[in-house]
């Protein structure tokens, strides 16, 4: 059984009605977090840039998953859903970047381990994922 199907069975991924307003709200969140991440980066606040960059990616990923009628119960479940539902539309690199940003965010947030390079990479990857999500969603 695939991880995606197992997560549905375990209710870590739940079917929801497709709501364009909810999708757009998540995109707005992604845009806002990306702007904040860029601002933090310009002020050399690398911890916050990493966290905000990740959350931009999180909201972009959520918008995509919501557009397919699913809601996640954890950050990892969102990754699983993104990988399953958008494997033909997102590159392996995009999925990998999201997964990597997830780890960088956890390190920055919980371990207080962060760097300028990781922050810049996260913000750049967030910008790419948001652009791809908007294109997929025709926004």
Protein backbone atom coordinates (compact mmCIF):
# COMPACT_ATOMS: atom_id res chain seq x y z
CA UNK A 1 0.00 0.00 0.00
CA UNK A 2 1.34 3.44 -0.89
CA UNK A 3 2.09 5.96 1.84
CA UNK A 4 -0.57 8.24 0.37
CA UNK A 5 -3.28 5.57 0.61
CA UNK A 6 -2.13 4.63 4.11
CA UNK A 7 -2.36 8.27 5.21
CA UNK A 8 -5.92 8.44 3.87
CA UNK A 9 -6.81 5.24 5.75
CA UNK A 10 -5.23 6.65 8.92
CA UNK A 11 -7.04 9.97 8.37
CA UNK A 12 -3.76 11.87 8.19
CA UNK A 13 -5.09 13.05 4.83
CA UNK A 14 -8.77 13.86 4.61
CA UNK A 15 -11.00 14.43 1.60
CA UNK A 16 -12.60 17.88 1.54
CA UNK A 17 -14.75 19.76 -0.91
CA UNK A 18 -12.82 21.83 -3.41
CA UNK A 19 -13.17 25.48 -2.44
CA UNK A 20 -11.49 28.05 -4.70
CA UNK A 21 -11.66 30.68 -1.92
CA UNK A 22 -9.69 28.40 0.39
CA UNK A 23 -7.09 27.79 -2.34
CA UNK A 24 -6.74 31.55 -2.95
CA UNK A 25 -6.43 32.22 0.79
CA UNK A 26 -3.49 29.81 0.96
CA UNK A 27 -1.84 31.51 -2.03
CA UNK A 28 -2.28 34.87 -0.30
CA UNK A 29 -0.60 33.40 2.77
CA UNK A 30 2.25 32.09 0.63
CA UNK A 31 2.74 35.50 -0.99
CA UNK A 32 2.68 37.29 2.38
CA UNK A 33 5.14 34.86 3.97
CA UNK A 34 7.47 35.15 0.98
CA UNK A 35 7.47 38.95 1.26
CA UNK A 36 8.23 38.67 4.98
CA UNK A 37 11.00 36.15 4.30
CA UNK A 38 12.63 38.48 1.78
CA UNK A 39 12.39 41.35 4.24
CA UNK A 40 13.96 39.25 7.01
CA UNK A 41 16.70 38.15 4.63
CA UNK A 42 17.53 41.75 3.72
CA UNK A 43 17.83 42.53 7.45
CA UNK A 44 20.09 39.49 8.02
CA UNK A 45 17.48 37.78 10.20
CA UNK A 46 18.33 34.37 8.82
CA UNK A 47 16.35 32.32 11.33
CA UNK A 48 13.14 34.15 10.48
CA UNK A 49 13.85 34.19 6.75
CA UNK A 50 14.20 30.40 6.86
CA UNK A 51 11.00 29.94 8.85
CA UNK A 52 8.98 32.39 6.77
CA UNK A 53 10.37 30.97 3.51
CA UNK A 54 9.29 27.50 4.57
CA UNK A 55 5.82 28.71 5.50
CA UNK A 56 5.47 30.32 2.10
CA UNK A 57 6.19 26.89 0.62
CA UNK A 58 3.80 25.26 3.09
CA UNK A 59 0.92 27.52 2.07
CA UNK A 60 1.67 27.13 -1.65
CA UNK A 61 1.70 23.34 -1.20
CA UNK A 62 -1.52 23.51 0.79
CA UNK A 63 -3.20 25.49 -1.99
CA UNK A 64 -2.23 22.79 -4.45
CA UNK A 65 -3.42 19.93 -2.25
CA UNK A 66 -6.67 21.75 -1.42
CA UNK A 67 -7.27 22.19 -5.14
CA UNK A 68 -7.37 18.37 -5.42
CA UNK A 69 -9.83 18.02 -2.54
CA UNK A 70 -7.52 16.96 0.28
CA UNK A 71 -6.49 18.44 3.63
CA UNK A 72 -3.47 17.34 5.64
CA UNK A 73 -3.13 16.64 9.36
CA UNK A 74 0.65 17.23 9.51
CA UNK A 75 3.47 18.86 7.61
CA UNK A 76 4.74 15.46 6.51
CA UNK A 77 1.28 14.42 5.31
CA UNK A 78 1.28 17.55 3.15
CA UNK A 79 4.57 16.44 1.60
CA UNK A 80 3.15 12.95 0.92
CA UNK A 81 0.04 14.44 -0.71
CA UNK A 82 2.07 16.89 -2.79
CA UNK A 83 4.33 14.09 -4.01
CA UNK A 84 1.37 11.86 -4.96
CA UNK A 85 -1.01 14.43 -6.42
CA UNK A 86 1.46 16.59 -8.35
CA UNK A 87 4.20 14.19 -9.43
CA UNK A 88 3.40 14.95 -13.07
CA UNK A 89 3.27 18.72 -12.61
CA UNK A 90 6.07 19.42 -10.13
CA UNK A 91 9.64 18.28 -10.62
CA UNK A 92 11.37 15.92 -8.25
CA UNK A 93 13.58 18.90 -7.34
CA UNK A 94 10.54 20.95 -6.27
CA UNK A 95 9.33 18.17 -3.98
CA UNK A 96 12.86 17.71 -2.63
CA UNK A 97 13.20 21.47 -2.00
CA UNK A 98 9.98 21.46 0.03
CA UNK A 99 11.17 18.50 2.08
CA UNK A 100 14.57 20.11 2.64
CA UNK A 101 12.97 23.42 3.67
CA UNK A 102 10.83 21.50 6.16
CA UNK A 103 13.99 20.23 7.84
CA UNK A 104 15.71 23.63 7.73
CA UNK A 105 12.66 25.23 9.34
CA UNK A 106 12.64 22.66 12.13
CA UNK A 107 16.37 23.18 12.75
CA UNK A 108 15.97 26.97 12.83
CA UNK A 109 12.82 26.94 14.93
CA UNK A 110 13.58 24.19 17.45
CA UNK A 111 17.36 23.80 17.35
CA UNK A 112 18.30 27.43 16.73
CA UNK A 113 20.55 26.20 13.91
CA UNK A 114 20.41 28.40 10.81
CA UNK A 115 22.66 30.14 8.31
CA UNK A 116 22.63 32.78 5.64
CA UNK A 117 23.07 30.15 2.91
CA UNK A 118 20.17 28.03 4.18
CA UNK A 119 17.95 31.11 4.49
CA UNK A 120 18.75 32.27 0.95
CA UNK A 121 18.19 28.77 -0.44
CA UNK A 122 14.83 28.47 1.35
CA UNK A 123 13.64 31.88 0.14
CA UNK A 124 14.72 31.14 -3.44
CA UNK A 125 13.01 27.74 -3.36
CA UNK A 126 9.87 29.32 -1.88
CA UNK A 127 9.71 31.79 -4.74
CA UNK A 128 10.05 28.97 -7.27
CA UNK A 129 7.38 26.80 -5.65
CA UNK A 130 4.95 29.70 -5.35
CA UNK A 131 5.45 30.53 -9.02
CA UNK A 132 4.86 26.90 -10.01
CA UNK A 133 1.78 26.64 -7.79
CA UNK A 134 0.30 29.78 -9.32
CA UNK A 135 0.91 28.41 -12.81
CA UNK A 136 -0.67 25.05 -11.98
CA UNK A 137 -3.66 26.77 -10.36
CA UNK A 138 -3.96 29.35 -13.16
CA UNK A 139 -3.64 32.28 -10.75
